[in-house]
Amino acid sequence: MNESLHLSQQQRIDLLIAAKRVVIKLGTSTVTDSQGDLCLKQVEPIVRSIAALQAGGRHVVLVSSGAVGLGRGWLGLHPSRLKDMTTKQACAAVGQSLLMEAYKRLFGTHVMKIAQVLLTEEDFSNWQRYSNLRRTMEKLIGFGVIPIVNENDTVSTAELEIVGESPRSVAFSDNDRLAALVMSGLEADALVLLTNVDGLLSPDNPLKSKRAAAGVADSTKVIPLISKVTPELRALASGPSASGRGGMITKLEAAEIAMNCGGVAVIANGSRADSLSRIFAGETVGTAFLPTSRMKGKRRWLAYAAGVRGRVVVDAGAERAVTRGKASLLSSGLVRVEKGFGAMDVVSIANLEGKEFARGIANCASESATAARVLVTRDNIVVLERDT
């Protein structure tokens, strides 16, 4: 074992053992069975493990899918009926109460209290609502309550709506990304995504050179350790699963958010009763993603959660000033406004090739963009990392 790999594995162990605030996400395939019933043989051990984590001094937030599946089962509908959006929302309304009833009973056996937190895209895209959400979650955690988070599918279609074969592009289009945004907002130490596979799987006949270029450790099946999410790694991910909506690609995206927020992420199999206990004991379970940086506060919100309202294209000088000189965006560097915006709206900042390289909060509306000397101040800009 080379020294750098050994150090990375030791970092993984140290981070997971030391993690105090944890976000755990359960996918639909973990929560429900093929008939749309609660899968007790999988959920019960997970609840027991969460109770043990809490008893050990950790604070856990649970993000749980499964409402639509439970609602479908309760209503006796065939899966083919879920192609209709209104039917999905009706199933979510029925299933969410069943989901919370089940969690209340299961956590109750461990003398633990739960709280339901239903979120929509606007709770993340608006800075004030985002801040209010964090304060509420902090208070629940302080009370020793387990917040159980899900998208409010009854009123929001962001997670439910499918265009072609993939979810549409929104602040969060599935509970993987939702879990990562919750983790980011709470500045949690670890994100665990429990699904129906053992982790990110390597190709049947991997070429070591390609895997090395992807920044991954050697493995014959599950890739145990990842230090950077690259295009090569994304190519390994499959589409949505049969019962869920995200698939492995959204888990990679969620893990990357966790990494860029200074946390460690793990993709593991939720059907294994001891997965959580082994993960936080530092054992090699699933695929772990090591932190790369720690983006804080408003910049993190801008990068991952904010709803982008406008778009501007700037010249090469302005791009250099923002990315290398850490300067404000001046109106003198503005080439054109591609999408209008209001004062204090989040805007996408693109270069002459059309590549978005930063986001920021506009000081003025687009109609006044050329008149204002400073279009976006440095404190309200985040530079986006590019694939290399």
Protein backbone atom coordinates (compact mmCIF):
# COMPACT_ATOMS: atom_id res chain seq x y z
CA MET A 1 0.00 0.00 0.00
CA ASN A 2 1.52 3.35 -0.99
CA GLU A 3 1.85 6.09 1.60
CA SER A 4 -0.70 8.51 0.08
CA LEU A 5 -3.39 5.81 -0.08
CA HIS A 6 -2.66 4.82 3.51
CA LEU A 7 -2.97 8.45 4.63
CA SER A 8 -6.28 8.82 2.74
CA GLN A 9 -7.70 5.70 4.35
CA GLN A 10 -6.59 6.91 7.77
CA GLN A 11 -8.25 10.27 7.09
CA ARG A 12 -11.49 8.48 6.23
CA ILE A 13 -11.34 6.49 9.48
CA ASP A 14 -10.56 9.56 11.58
CA LEU A 15 -13.31 11.70 10.01
CA LEU A 16 -16.07 9.11 10.42
CA ILE A 17 -15.14 8.17 13.96
CA ALA A 18 -15.01 11.85 14.95
CA ALA A 19 -18.19 12.92 13.10
CA LYS A 20 -20.64 14.50 15.54
CA ARG A 21 -23.35 15.84 13.24
CA VAL A 22 -24.57 13.34 10.64
CA VAL A 23 -27.15 13.39 7.84
CA ILE A 24 -28.42 9.95 6.79
CA LYS A 25 -30.52 9.51 3.66
CA LEU A 26 -32.67 6.44 2.97
CA GLY A 27 -33.69 5.72 -0.61
CA THR A 28 -37.04 4.38 -1.73
CA SER A 29 -35.57 0.91 -2.32
CA THR A 30 -34.47 0.83 1.32
CA VAL A 31 -37.71 2.13 2.86
CA THR A 32 -40.28 0.20 0.80
CA ASP A 33 -40.60 -3.22 -0.79
CA SER A 34 -41.84 -4.06 -4.28
CA GLN A 35 -45.47 -4.06 -3.08
CA GLY A 36 -45.28 -0.54 -1.67
CA ASP A 37 -45.19 -1.66 1.96
CA LEU A 38 -42.71 -0.50 4.59
CA CYS A 39 -39.67 -2.79 4.50
CA LEU A 40 -39.33 -3.41 8.23
CA LYS A 41 -36.42 -5.82 7.88
CA GLN A 42 -34.34 -2.96 6.47
CA VAL A 43 -35.74 0.11 8.25
CA GLU A 44 -35.86 -1.35 11.76
CA PRO A 45 -32.08 -2.04 11.99
CA ILE A 46 -31.37 1.44 10.61
CA VAL A 47 -33.54 3.06 13.27
CA ARG A 48 -31.78 0.94 15.90
CA SER A 49 -28.39 2.09 14.58
CA ILE A 50 -29.47 5.75 14.58
CA ALA A 51 -30.61 5.39 18.18
CA ALA A 52 -27.18 3.99 19.05
CA LEU A 53 -25.45 6.87 17.26
CA GLN A 54 -27.53 9.38 19.23
CA ALA A 55 -26.83 7.57 22.48
CA GLY A 56 -23.13 7.76 21.62
CA GLY A 57 -23.24 11.56 21.48
CA ARG A 58 -23.82 12.13 17.77
CA HIS A 59 -26.63 14.26 16.32
CA VAL A 60 -28.53 12.67 13.45
CA VAL A 61 -30.82 14.14 10.79
CA LEU A 62 -32.73 11.59 8.71
CA VAL A 63 -33.74 12.32 5.11
CA SER A 64 -36.22 9.69 4.03
CA SER A 65 -37.79 8.83 0.70
CA GLY A 66 -40.68 6.40 0.45
CA ALA A 67 -43.85 8.49 0.79
CA VAL A 68 -44.99 8.00 -2.81
CA GLY A 69 -44.29 4.26 -2.68
CA LEU A 70 -46.14 3.79 0.61
CA GLY A 71 -49.08 5.84 -0.67
CA ARG A 72 -49.26 3.76 -3.83
CA GLY A 73 -49.29 0.56 -1.80
CA TRP A 74 -51.94 1.86 0.61
CA LEU A 75 -54.18 2.95 -2.27
CA GLY A 76 -53.63 -0.36 -4.10
CA LEU A 77 -52.38 1.28 -7.29
CA HIS A 78 -50.25 -0.41 -9.92
CA PRO A 79 -46.81 1.25 -10.42
CA SER A 80 -47.84 2.22 -13.96
CA ARG A 81 -50.34 4.69 -12.45
CA LEU A 82 -47.47 6.83 -11.15
CA LYS A 83 -46.83 8.30 -14.59
CA ASP A 84 -49.50 10.89 -13.82
CA MET A 85 -48.18 13.84 -11.76
CA THR A 86 -51.38 14.42 -9.78
CA THR A 87 -51.52 10.73 -8.87
CA LYS A 88 -47.94 10.92 -7.60
CA GLN A 89 -48.82 13.92 -5.45
CA ALA A 90 -51.91 12.19 -4.09
CA CYS A 91 -49.80 9.13 -3.23
CA ALA A 92 -47.28 11.40 -1.51
CA ALA A 93 -50.03 12.98 0.60
CA VAL A 94 -51.27 9.55 1.71
CA GLY A 95 -47.84 8.00 2.11
CA GLN A 96 -46.18 10.79 4.09
CA SER A 97 -48.49 10.27 7.05
CA LEU A 98 -47.87 6.52 6.88
CA LEU A 99 -44.13 7.13 6.76
CA MET A 100 -44.14 9.38 9.82
CA GLU A 101 -46.45 7.03 11.72
CA ALA A 102 -43.98 4.20 11.10
CA TYR A 103 -40.99 6.27 12.22
CA LYS A 104 -42.80 7.49 15.32
CA ARG A 105 -43.48 3.90 16.33
CA LEU A 106 -39.99 2.62 15.51
CA PHE A 107 -38.10 5.47 17.20
CA GLY A 108 -40.56 5.35 20.08
CA THR A 109 -39.30 1.89 21.03
CA HIS A 110 -35.96 3.62 21.73
CA VAL A 111 -37.67 6.45 23.66
CA MET A 112 -36.78 8.95 20.94
CA LYS A 113 -38.88 11.82 19.57
CA ILE A 114 -39.13 12.78 15.91
CA ALA A 115 -40.17 15.86 13.94
CA GLN A 116 -41.43 16.10 10.38
CA VAL A 117 -39.68 18.65 8.15
CA LEU A 118 -41.20 18.97 4.67
CA LEU A 119 -39.28 21.20 2.27
CA THR A 120 -39.68 22.75 -1.16
CA GLU A 121 -37.16 24.26 -3.55
CA GLU A 122 -37.97 27.77 -2.31
CA ASP A 123 -36.75 26.86 1.19
CA PHE A 124 -33.26 26.67 -0.32
CA SER A 125 -33.38 29.25 -3.11
CA ASN A 126 -34.38 32.11 -0.77
CA TRP A 127 -31.60 33.17 1.63
CA GLN A 128 -34.00 34.23 4.41
CA ARG A 129 -35.97 30.98 4.30
CA TYR A 130 -32.71 29.04 4.15
CA SER A 131 -31.52 30.82 7.30
CA ASN A 132 -34.85 30.24 9.05
CA LEU A 133 -34.70 26.54 8.18
CA ARG A 134 -31.26 26.22 9.72
CA ARG A 135 -32.38 27.89 12.95
CA THR A 136 -35.38 25.56 13.25
CA MET A 137 -33.28 22.47 12.60
CA GLU A 138 -30.69 23.61 15.13
CA LYS A 139 -33.42 23.99 17.76
CA LEU A 140 -34.81 20.50 17.04
CA ILE A 141 -31.33 19.00 17.32
CA GLY A 142 -30.83 20.88 20.58
CA PHE A 143 -34.02 19.31 21.95
CA GLY A 144 -32.63 15.85 21.11
CA VAL A 145 -35.30 15.32 18.45
CA ILE A 146 -34.60 13.44 15.19
CA PRO A 147 -35.66 15.69 12.29
CA ILE A 148 -37.07 13.54 9.48
CA VAL A 149 -36.83 15.43 6.20
CA ASN A 150 -38.56 14.89 2.88
CA GLU A 151 -39.59 17.03 -0.06
CA ASN A 152 -43.16 18.27 0.20
CA ASP A 153 -44.26 16.36 -2.89
CA THR A 154 -47.92 17.24 -2.30
CA VAL A 155 -47.29 20.86 -3.34
CA SER A 156 -43.89 20.68 -5.07
CA THR A 157 -43.19 18.75 -8.26
CA ALA A 158 -39.43 19.39 -8.35
CA GLU A 159 -38.57 15.87 -7.23
CA LEU A 160 -41.45 14.14 -8.99
CA GLU A 161 -41.23 15.70 -12.43
CA ILE A 162 -39.24 13.78 -15.03
CA VAL A 163 -38.19 15.13 -18.41
CA GLY A 164 -37.01 12.31 -20.71
CA GLU A 165 -34.92 9.92 -18.64
CA SER A 166 -33.53 12.30 -16.02
CA PRO A 167 -34.87 14.70 -13.37
CA ARG A 168 -35.14 18.31 -14.47
CA SER A 169 -32.51 20.76 -13.27
CA VAL A 170 -33.64 22.40 -10.03
CA ALA A 171 -32.15 23.25 -6.65
CA PHE A 172 -32.89 19.66 -5.71
CA SER A 173 -34.49 17.11 -8.03
CA ASP A 174 -34.22 14.12 -5.69
CA ASN A 175 -33.62 13.34 -2.03
CA ASP A 176 -29.91 12.68 -2.60
CA ARG A 177 -29.32 16.33 -3.43
CA LEU A 178 -31.82 17.40 -0.76
CA ALA A 179 -29.81 15.47 1.83
CA ALA A 180 -26.59 17.13 0.65
CA LEU A 181 -28.16 20.58 0.90
CA VAL A 182 -29.41 19.82 4.42
CA MET A 183 -25.91 18.61 5.30
CA SER A 184 -24.46 21.81 3.83
CA GLY A 185 -26.92 24.09 5.62
CA LEU A 186 -26.25 22.46 8.99
CA GLU A 187 -22.48 22.24 8.37
CA ALA A 188 -22.68 18.55 9.25
CA ASP A 189 -19.57 16.41 9.39
CA ALA A 190 -20.82 13.42 7.41
CA LEU A 191 -23.41 12.44 4.82
CA VAL A 192 -24.44 8.79 4.44
CA LEU A 193 -26.53 7.74 1.43
CA LEU A 194 -28.07 4.29 1.98
CA THR A 195 -29.26 2.57 -1.16
CA ASN A 196 -29.68 -0.94 -2.64
CA VAL A 197 -26.08 -1.41 -3.81
CA ASP A 198 -22.82 -1.73 -1.90
CA GLY A 199 -21.35 1.51 -3.25
CA LEU A 200 -19.99 2.88 -6.50
CA LEU A 201 -19.00 -0.17 -8.53
CA SER A 202 -15.92 -0.29 -10.72
CA PRO A 203 -16.18 -1.60 -14.33
CA ASP A 204 -16.00 -5.35 -14.91
CA ASN A 205 -12.63 -4.93 -16.63
CA PRO A 206 -11.22 -1.68 -15.26
CA LEU A 207 -8.07 -0.17 -16.65
CA LYS A 208 -5.86 0.90 -13.78
CA SER A 209 -4.64 3.95 -15.65
CA LYS A 210 -8.18 5.24 -16.11
CA ARG A 211 -9.09 4.56 -12.50
CA ALA A 212 -5.93 6.27 -11.34
CA ALA A 213 -6.84 9.29 -13.46
CA ALA A 214 -10.25 9.31 -11.79
CA GLY A 215 -8.58 9.63 -8.38
CA VAL A 216 -9.91 6.35 -6.98
CA ALA A 217 -8.37 3.54 -4.97
CA ASP A 218 -7.80 0.11 -6.51
CA SER A 219 -10.65 -2.41 -6.10
CA THR A 220 -12.11 -5.32 -8.00
CA LYS A 221 -15.73 -4.39 -7.30
CA VAL A 222 -16.67 -1.54 -4.97
CA ILE A 223 -14.52 1.57 -5.22
CA PRO A 224 -13.73 2.15 -1.53
CA LEU A 225 -12.24 5.64 -1.60
CA ILE A 226 -12.64 8.72 -3.80
CA SER A 227 -10.77 11.98 -3.42
CA LYS A 228 -12.27 13.79 -6.42
CA VAL A 229 -15.41 13.39 -8.52
CA THR A 230 -14.29 13.50 -12.16
CA PRO A 231 -16.01 13.00 -15.54
CA GLU A 232 -14.52 9.48 -15.60
CA LEU A 233 -16.28 8.66 -12.35
CA ARG A 234 -19.58 10.10 -13.55
CA ALA A 235 -19.35 7.80 -16.55
CA LEU A 236 -19.44 4.84 -14.15
CA ALA A 237 -22.79 5.94 -12.71
CA SER A 238 -26.03 4.49 -14.01
CA GLY A 239 -29.44 6.10 -14.44
CA PRO A 240 -32.40 6.06 -12.04
CA SER A 241 -33.22 2.80 -10.26
CA ALA A 242 -36.46 0.94 -10.81
CA SER A 243 -38.11 2.24 -7.63
CA GLY A 244 -36.21 5.46 -7.03
CA ARG A 245 -35.64 8.58 -9.13
CA GLY A 246 -32.03 9.55 -8.56
CA GLY A 247 -29.76 6.65 -9.37
CA MET A 248 -26.00 6.71 -8.79
CA ILE A 249 -25.32 9.93 -10.68
CA THR A 250 -27.31 12.03 -8.19
CA LYS A 251 -25.50 10.30 -5.34
CA LEU A 252 -22.19 11.33 -6.88
CA GLU A 253 -23.46 14.91 -7.14
CA ALA A 254 -24.60 14.82 -3.50
CA ALA A 255 -21.27 13.40 -2.39
CA GLU A 256 -19.44 16.14 -4.30
CA ILE A 257 -21.44 18.81 -2.46
CA ALA A 258 -20.49 17.19 0.84
CA MET A 259 -16.82 17.09 -0.19
CA ASN A 260 -16.81 20.76 -1.17
CA CYS A 261 -18.46 21.68 2.11
CA GLY A 262 -15.66 20.06 4.08
CA GLY A 263 -17.52 16.86 4.99
CA VAL A 264 -17.07 13.16 4.31
CA ALA A 265 -19.73 11.23 2.36
CA VAL A 266 -20.43 7.50 2.13
CA ILE A 267 -22.60 5.54 -0.30
CA ALA A 268 -23.48 2.16 1.23
CA ASN A 269 -26.01 -0.66 1.18
CA GLY A 270 -29.08 -0.01 3.32
CA SER A 271 -30.10 -3.66 3.32
CA ARG A 272 -27.15 -4.62 5.51
CA ALA A 273 -28.18 -4.32 9.14
CA ASP A 274 -24.75 -3.30 10.40
CA SER A 275 -23.86 -0.73 7.71
CA LEU A 276 -24.22 2.38 9.88
CA SER A 277 -22.48 0.98 12.95
CA ARG A 278 -19.56 -0.21 10.83
CA ILE A 279 -19.30 3.07 8.91
CA PHE A 280 -18.97 5.15 12.07
CA ALA A 281 -16.60 2.64 13.61
CA GLY A 282 -14.25 3.53 10.75
CA GLU A 283 -14.55 0.25 8.88
CA THR A 284 -14.27 0.10 5.08
CA VAL A 285 -17.92 -0.03 4.09
CA GLY A 286 -19.28 1.22 0.78
CA THR A 287 -17.66 4.08 -1.12
CA ALA A 288 -16.27 6.99 0.90
CA PHE A 289 -15.65 10.48 -0.47
CA LEU A 290 -13.01 12.61 1.24
CA PRO A 291 -13.46 16.36 1.82
CA THR A 292 -11.69 18.68 -0.58
CA SER A 293 -12.41 22.10 0.92
CA ARG A 294 -14.73 23.92 3.30
CA MET A 295 -16.85 26.53 1.58
CA LYS A 296 -18.73 28.48 4.22
CA GLY A 297 -21.88 30.52 4.74
CA LYS A 298 -23.39 32.49 1.91
CA ARG A 299 -20.85 31.29 -0.67
CA ARG A 300 -21.89 27.69 -0.07
CA TRP A 301 -25.54 28.68 -0.41
CA LEU A 302 -24.77 30.48 -3.67
CA ALA A 303 -22.91 27.50 -5.12
CA TYR A 304 -25.44 24.78 -4.35
CA ALA A 305 -28.80 25.93 -3.03
CA ALA A 306 -29.62 29.32 -4.48
CA GLY A 307 -32.16 29.67 -7.25
CA VAL A 308 -30.45 31.41 -10.19
CA ARG A 309 -32.65 34.19 -11.58
CA GLY A 310 -30.45 35.90 -14.16
CA ARG A 311 -27.39 35.39 -16.34
CA VAL A 312 -24.65 37.72 -17.54
CA VAL A 313 -21.71 37.25 -19.90
CA VAL A 314 -18.46 39.06 -19.08
CA ASP A 315 -15.18 39.63 -20.90
CA ALA A 316 -11.89 37.84 -20.27
CA GLY A 317 -10.55 40.63 -18.07
CA ALA A 318 -13.54 40.46 -15.74
CA GLU A 319 -13.24 36.66 -15.60
CA ARG A 320 -9.58 36.92 -14.58
CA ALA A 321 -10.35 39.58 -11.99
CA VAL A 322 -13.06 37.45 -10.38
CA THR A 323 -11.36 34.04 -10.55
CA ARG A 324 -7.73 35.00 -9.95
CA GLY A 325 -7.79 38.46 -8.41
CA LYS A 326 -10.74 37.75 -6.10
CA ALA A 327 -12.24 41.06 -7.19
CA SER A 328 -15.79 42.35 -7.46
CA LEU A 329 -17.58 42.18 -10.81
CA LEU A 330 -17.57 45.65 -12.34
CA SER A 331 -20.05 46.82 -14.95
CA SER A 332 -17.13 47.72 -17.23
CA GLY A 333 -16.54 43.99 -17.77
CA LEU A 334 -20.13 43.26 -18.74
CA VAL A 335 -20.60 42.06 -22.33
CA ARG A 336 -24.33 41.38 -22.24
CA VAL A 337 -27.28 40.37 -20.07
CA GLU A 338 -28.69 37.05 -21.29
CA LYS A 339 -31.45 36.77 -18.72
CA GLY A 340 -32.97 39.63 -16.75
CA PHE A 341 -32.86 39.89 -12.96
CA GLY A 342 -33.80 42.13 -10.07
CA ALA A 343 -31.73 43.70 -7.32
CA MET A 344 -30.48 41.06 -4.83
CA ASP A 345 -31.30 38.22 -7.23
CA VAL A 346 -28.74 35.46 -7.77
CA VAL A 347 -27.14 35.65 -11.22
CA SER A 348 -25.04 33.20 -13.18
CA ILE A 349 -21.75 34.73 -14.41
CA ALA A 350 -20.45 33.22 -17.67
CA ASN A 351 -17.39 33.83 -19.82
CA LEU A 352 -17.26 34.58 -23.55
CA GLU A 353 -17.45 30.84 -24.34
CA GLY A 354 -20.73 30.62 -22.43
CA LYS A 355 -19.23 28.63 -19.52
CA GLU A 356 -20.61 29.54 -16.08
CA PHE A 357 -17.63 30.15 -13.80
CA ALA A 358 -19.22 32.04 -10.89
CA ARG A 359 -22.46 33.08 -9.23
CA GLY A 360 -23.30 36.19 -7.30
CA ILE A 361 -25.97 38.41 -5.78
CA ALA A 362 -26.65 41.42 -8.01
CA ASN A 363 -26.47 44.88 -6.48
CA CYS A 364 -29.03 46.21 -8.94
CA ALA A 365 -31.63 45.13 -11.49
CA SER A 366 -30.49 44.16 -14.99
CA GLU A 367 -31.93 47.40 -16.44
CA SER A 368 -29.37 49.35 -14.40
CA ALA A 369 -26.46 46.94 -14.86
CA THR A 370 -24.41 49.23 -17.13
CA ALA A 371 -24.98 52.28 -14.93
CA ALA A 372 -23.83 50.73 -11.65
CA ARG A 373 -20.06 50.69 -11.16
CA VAL A 374 -20.08 47.44 -9.14
CA LEU A 375 -22.53 44.86 -10.41
CA VAL A 376 -21.67 42.17 -7.82
CA THR A 377 -19.46 42.75 -4.78
CA ARG A 378 -16.76 40.24 -3.95
CA ASP A 379 -18.39 39.13 -0.68
CA ASN A 380 -21.43 38.04 -2.69
CA ILE A 381 -19.55 36.00 -5.32
CA VAL A 382 -18.65 32.33 -5.35
CA VAL A 383 -16.29 30.92 -7.98
CA LEU A 384 -17.38 27.52 -9.22
CA GLU A 385 -14.85 24.72 -9.50
CA ARG A 386 -14.44 23.24 -12.96
CA ASP A 387 -13.70 19.67 -14.01
CA THR A 388 -10.08 19.18 -14.99
